[in-house]
N, C-alpha and C. Protein backbone atom coordinates (compact mmCIF):
# COMPACT_ATOMS: atom_id res chain seq x y z
N UNK A 1 24.53 37.13 -35.22
CA UNK A 1 23.31 37.47 -34.40
C UNK A 1 23.63 38.58 -33.59
N UNK A 2 22.85 39.77 -33.84
CA UNK A 2 22.83 41.01 -33.03
C UNK A 2 22.13 40.92 -31.95
N UNK A 3 22.31 41.92 -31.17
CA UNK A 3 21.61 42.18 -29.83
C UNK A 3 20.16 42.26 -30.03
N UNK A 4 19.71 42.88 -31.14
CA UNK A 4 18.30 43.08 -31.37
C UNK A 4 17.57 41.69 -31.55
N UNK A 5 18.22 40.86 -32.31
CA UNK A 5 17.58 39.51 -32.51
C UNK A 5 17.77 38.60 -31.22
N UNK A 6 18.72 38.86 -30.34
CA UNK A 6 18.78 38.18 -29.07
C UNK A 6 17.65 38.49 -28.27
N UNK A 7 17.39 39.74 -28.15
CA UNK A 7 16.25 40.05 -27.11
C UNK A 7 14.80 39.73 -27.80
N UNK A 8 14.78 39.85 -29.17
CA UNK A 8 13.48 39.43 -29.79
C UNK A 8 13.29 37.91 -29.33
N UNK A 9 14.22 37.21 -29.61
CA UNK A 9 14.08 35.70 -29.29
C UNK A 9 13.69 35.44 -27.84
N UNK A 10 14.50 36.16 -26.97
CA UNK A 10 14.28 36.01 -25.59
C UNK A 10 12.71 36.28 -25.23
N UNK A 11 12.32 37.48 -25.83
CA UNK A 11 11.03 38.00 -25.37
C UNK A 11 9.94 37.02 -26.00
N UNK A 12 10.31 36.42 -27.40
CA UNK A 12 9.26 35.55 -27.92
C UNK A 12 9.26 34.11 -27.10
N UNK A 13 10.32 33.85 -26.55
CA UNK A 13 10.45 32.56 -25.60
C UNK A 13 9.74 32.73 -24.44
N UNK A 14 9.71 33.97 -23.78
CA UNK A 14 9.02 34.32 -22.62
C UNK A 14 7.56 34.40 -22.94
N UNK A 15 7.20 34.98 -24.13
CA UNK A 15 5.72 35.02 -24.38
C UNK A 15 5.13 33.64 -24.51
N UNK A 16 5.90 32.73 -25.12
CA UNK A 16 5.30 31.29 -25.41
C UNK A 16 5.30 30.49 -24.07
N UNK A 17 6.19 30.78 -23.19
CA UNK A 17 6.45 30.25 -21.93
C UNK A 17 5.12 30.57 -21.05
N UNK A 18 4.80 31.94 -21.12
CA UNK A 18 3.79 32.43 -20.38
C UNK A 18 2.37 32.12 -20.92
N UNK A 19 2.40 31.73 -21.94
CA UNK A 19 1.10 31.08 -22.66
C UNK A 19 1.06 29.74 -22.18
N UNK A 20 2.06 28.90 -22.14
CA UNK A 20 1.95 27.45 -21.96
C UNK A 20 1.68 27.39 -20.31
N UNK A 21 2.27 28.13 -19.58
CA UNK A 21 2.01 28.21 -17.98
C UNK A 21 0.62 28.68 -17.82
N UNK A 22 -0.11 29.50 -18.54
CA UNK A 22 -1.39 29.94 -18.49
C UNK A 22 -2.32 28.76 -18.69
N UNK A 23 -1.92 27.90 -19.78
CA UNK A 23 -2.81 26.88 -20.05
C UNK A 23 -2.70 25.78 -18.78
N UNK A 24 -1.58 25.56 -18.22
CA UNK A 24 -1.45 24.72 -16.96
C UNK A 24 -2.20 25.19 -16.03
N UNK A 25 -2.00 26.46 -15.67
CA UNK A 25 -2.83 27.17 -14.61
C UNK A 25 -4.33 27.06 -14.93
N UNK A 26 -4.83 27.19 -16.15
CA UNK A 26 -6.19 27.12 -16.35
C UNK A 26 -6.62 25.69 -16.17
N UNK A 27 -5.98 24.73 -16.70
CA UNK A 27 -6.33 23.14 -16.29
C UNK A 27 -6.46 22.80 -14.85
N UNK A 28 -5.37 23.50 -14.13
CA UNK A 28 -5.22 23.18 -12.77
C UNK A 28 -6.62 23.86 -12.07
N UNK A 29 -6.97 25.10 -12.42
CA UNK A 29 -8.07 25.53 -12.02
C UNK A 29 -9.36 25.05 -12.26
N UNK A 30 -9.46 24.48 -13.53
CA UNK A 30 -10.77 23.68 -13.85
C UNK A 30 -10.83 22.39 -13.12
N UNK A 31 -9.64 21.84 -12.78
CA UNK A 31 -9.64 20.38 -12.06
C UNK A 31 -9.97 20.77 -10.60
N UNK A 32 -9.61 21.84 -9.93
CA UNK A 32 -9.86 22.20 -8.56
C UNK A 32 -11.40 22.55 -8.58
N UNK A 33 -11.90 23.29 -9.38
CA UNK A 33 -13.24 23.64 -9.36
C UNK A 33 -14.04 22.39 -9.51
N UNK A 34 -13.75 21.58 -10.33
CA UNK A 34 -14.44 20.15 -10.43
C UNK A 34 -14.43 19.29 -9.25
N UNK A 35 -13.26 19.34 -8.65
CA UNK A 35 -13.16 18.55 -7.28
C UNK A 35 -13.98 19.16 -6.32
N UNK A 36 -13.98 20.45 -6.14
CA UNK A 36 -14.82 21.25 -5.25
C UNK A 36 -16.38 20.94 -5.36
N UNK A 37 -16.71 20.99 -6.64
CA UNK A 37 -18.07 20.64 -6.83
C UNK A 37 -18.50 19.24 -6.51
N UNK A 38 -17.63 18.36 -6.81
CA UNK A 38 -17.96 16.98 -6.62
C UNK A 38 -18.02 16.63 -4.97
N UNK A 39 -17.01 17.34 -4.17
CA UNK A 39 -17.03 17.25 -2.73
C UNK A 39 -18.44 17.84 -2.31
N UNK A 40 -18.99 19.06 -2.86
CA UNK A 40 -20.02 19.55 -2.47
C UNK A 40 -21.32 18.55 -2.70
N UNK A 41 -21.38 18.14 -3.81
CA UNK A 41 -22.45 17.18 -4.33
C UNK A 41 -22.33 16.00 -3.39
N UNK A 42 -21.32 15.38 -3.01
CA UNK A 42 -21.12 14.25 -2.15
C UNK A 42 -21.74 14.63 -0.77
N UNK A 43 -21.27 15.76 -0.25
CA UNK A 43 -21.80 16.23 1.03
C UNK A 43 -23.27 16.41 1.17
N UNK A 44 -23.76 17.15 0.05
CA UNK A 44 -25.17 17.52 -0.10
C UNK A 44 -25.85 16.14 -0.30
N UNK A 45 -25.43 15.12 -0.88
CA UNK A 45 -26.01 13.69 -0.91
C UNK A 45 -26.08 12.90 0.38
N UNK A 46 -25.01 13.11 1.08
CA UNK A 46 -25.13 12.50 2.49
C UNK A 46 -25.88 13.09 3.51
N UNK A 47 -26.39 14.17 3.09
CA UNK A 47 -27.46 14.87 4.05
C UNK A 47 -28.80 14.09 4.12
N UNK A 48 -28.94 13.36 2.92
CA UNK A 48 -30.03 12.46 2.93
C UNK A 48 -30.02 11.19 3.70
N UNK A 49 -30.65 10.97 4.74
CA UNK A 49 -30.59 9.69 5.68
C UNK A 49 -30.56 8.59 5.08
N UNK A 50 -31.44 8.30 4.12
CA UNK A 50 -31.30 7.10 3.07
C UNK A 50 -30.00 6.85 2.47
N UNK A 51 -29.65 7.92 1.90
CA UNK A 51 -28.51 7.95 1.00
C UNK A 51 -27.22 7.47 1.84
N UNK A 52 -27.10 8.14 3.07
CA UNK A 52 -26.05 7.95 4.03
C UNK A 52 -26.14 6.54 4.61
N UNK A 53 -27.18 6.05 4.87
CA UNK A 53 -27.31 4.68 5.25
C UNK A 53 -26.85 3.79 4.18
N UNK A 54 -27.13 3.98 2.98
CA UNK A 54 -26.75 3.10 1.86
C UNK A 54 -25.32 3.02 1.69
N UNK A 55 -24.72 4.28 1.65
CA UNK A 55 -23.25 4.27 1.66
C UNK A 55 -22.50 3.63 2.77
N UNK A 56 -22.96 3.84 3.92
CA UNK A 56 -22.23 3.18 5.06
C UNK A 56 -22.41 1.52 5.05
N UNK A 57 -23.64 1.18 4.63
CA UNK A 57 -24.00 -0.29 4.46
C UNK A 57 -22.94 -0.80 3.50
N UNK A 58 -22.85 -0.17 2.29
CA UNK A 58 -21.92 -0.60 1.26
C UNK A 58 -20.60 -0.91 1.88
N UNK A 59 -20.13 0.26 2.55
CA UNK A 59 -18.81 0.16 3.18
C UNK A 59 -18.67 -0.97 3.89
N UNK A 60 -19.74 -1.30 4.94
CA UNK A 60 -19.62 -2.51 5.80
C UNK A 60 -19.71 -3.75 5.02
N UNK A 61 -20.42 -3.74 4.08
CA UNK A 61 -20.40 -5.02 3.24
C UNK A 61 -19.11 -5.39 2.47
N UNK A 62 -18.42 -4.17 2.09
CA UNK A 62 -16.99 -4.29 1.49
C UNK A 62 -16.16 -4.89 2.46
N UNK A 63 -16.16 -4.29 3.75
CA UNK A 63 -15.26 -4.84 4.85
C UNK A 63 -15.54 -6.29 5.13
N UNK A 64 -16.80 -6.73 5.39
CA UNK A 64 -17.20 -7.96 5.41
C UNK A 64 -16.58 -8.97 4.38
N UNK A 65 -16.56 -8.61 3.08
CA UNK A 65 -16.41 -9.41 2.05
C UNK A 65 -14.78 -9.62 2.26
N UNK A 66 -13.89 -8.49 2.45
CA UNK A 66 -12.48 -8.49 2.55
C UNK A 66 -12.14 -9.43 3.78
N UNK A 67 -12.84 -9.41 5.01
CA UNK A 67 -12.66 -10.20 6.12
C UNK A 67 -12.79 -11.71 5.71
N UNK A 68 -13.97 -12.07 4.87
CA UNK A 68 -14.25 -13.38 4.59
C UNK A 68 -13.07 -13.87 3.65
N UNK A 69 -12.65 -13.04 2.73
CA UNK A 69 -11.50 -13.59 1.80
C UNK A 69 -10.11 -13.80 2.64
N UNK A 70 -9.87 -13.07 3.42
CA UNK A 70 -8.84 -13.23 4.42
C UNK A 70 -9.02 -14.71 5.27
N UNK A 71 -10.09 -14.72 5.72
CA UNK A 71 -10.43 -16.00 6.65
C UNK A 71 -10.36 -17.13 5.76
N UNK A 72 -10.71 -17.15 4.56
CA UNK A 72 -10.62 -18.21 3.57
C UNK A 72 -9.15 -18.53 3.16
N UNK A 73 -8.44 -17.51 2.87
CA UNK A 73 -6.97 -17.64 2.61
C UNK A 73 -6.41 -18.32 3.93
N UNK A 74 -6.63 -17.96 5.09
CA UNK A 74 -6.07 -18.43 6.32
C UNK A 74 -6.53 -19.94 6.50
N UNK A 75 -7.61 -20.15 6.25
CA UNK A 75 -8.16 -21.66 6.41
C UNK A 75 -7.48 -22.38 5.35
N UNK A 76 -7.06 -22.01 4.13
CA UNK A 76 -6.46 -22.77 3.06
C UNK A 76 -4.92 -22.98 3.43
N UNK A 77 -4.40 -22.07 4.23
CA UNK A 77 -3.02 -22.18 4.65
C UNK A 77 -3.05 -23.13 5.80
N UNK A 78 -4.09 -23.16 6.59
CA UNK A 78 -3.92 -24.14 7.72
C UNK A 78 -4.39 -25.41 7.19
N UNK A 79 -5.19 -25.70 6.20
CA UNK A 79 -5.23 -26.97 5.52
C UNK A 79 -3.88 -27.66 4.94
N UNK A 80 -3.39 -26.59 4.11
CA UNK A 80 -2.02 -27.12 3.60
C UNK A 80 -1.03 -27.36 4.70
N UNK A 81 -0.89 -26.71 5.66
CA UNK A 81 0.00 -27.01 6.75
C UNK A 81 -0.27 -28.25 7.54
N UNK A 82 -1.58 -28.59 7.73
CA UNK A 82 -2.01 -29.73 8.41
C UNK A 82 -1.84 -30.99 7.71
N UNK A 83 -1.87 -30.96 6.35
CA UNK A 83 -1.86 -32.12 5.38
C UNK A 83 -0.29 -32.60 5.26
N UNK A 84 0.58 -31.83 5.44
CA UNK A 84 1.93 -32.03 5.39
C UNK A 84 2.48 -32.71 6.64
């Protein structure tokens, strides 16, 4: 293998590596752009008072349901402990 082939292979490898990195960068850019747009749309939707109230109510309902599950689990443990 001569020096000419060595450099040819090295430059071909660099070219392919640059292409692959470009694809990664492009995918990351598209993902960041999509995330930014989704954040913008969510913020815009939260400007609507009815939408904001609905989102907060859904969050409160979720928290109430989780608290009720914890309460039921605790009561079951109490029943188990008192029966023995």
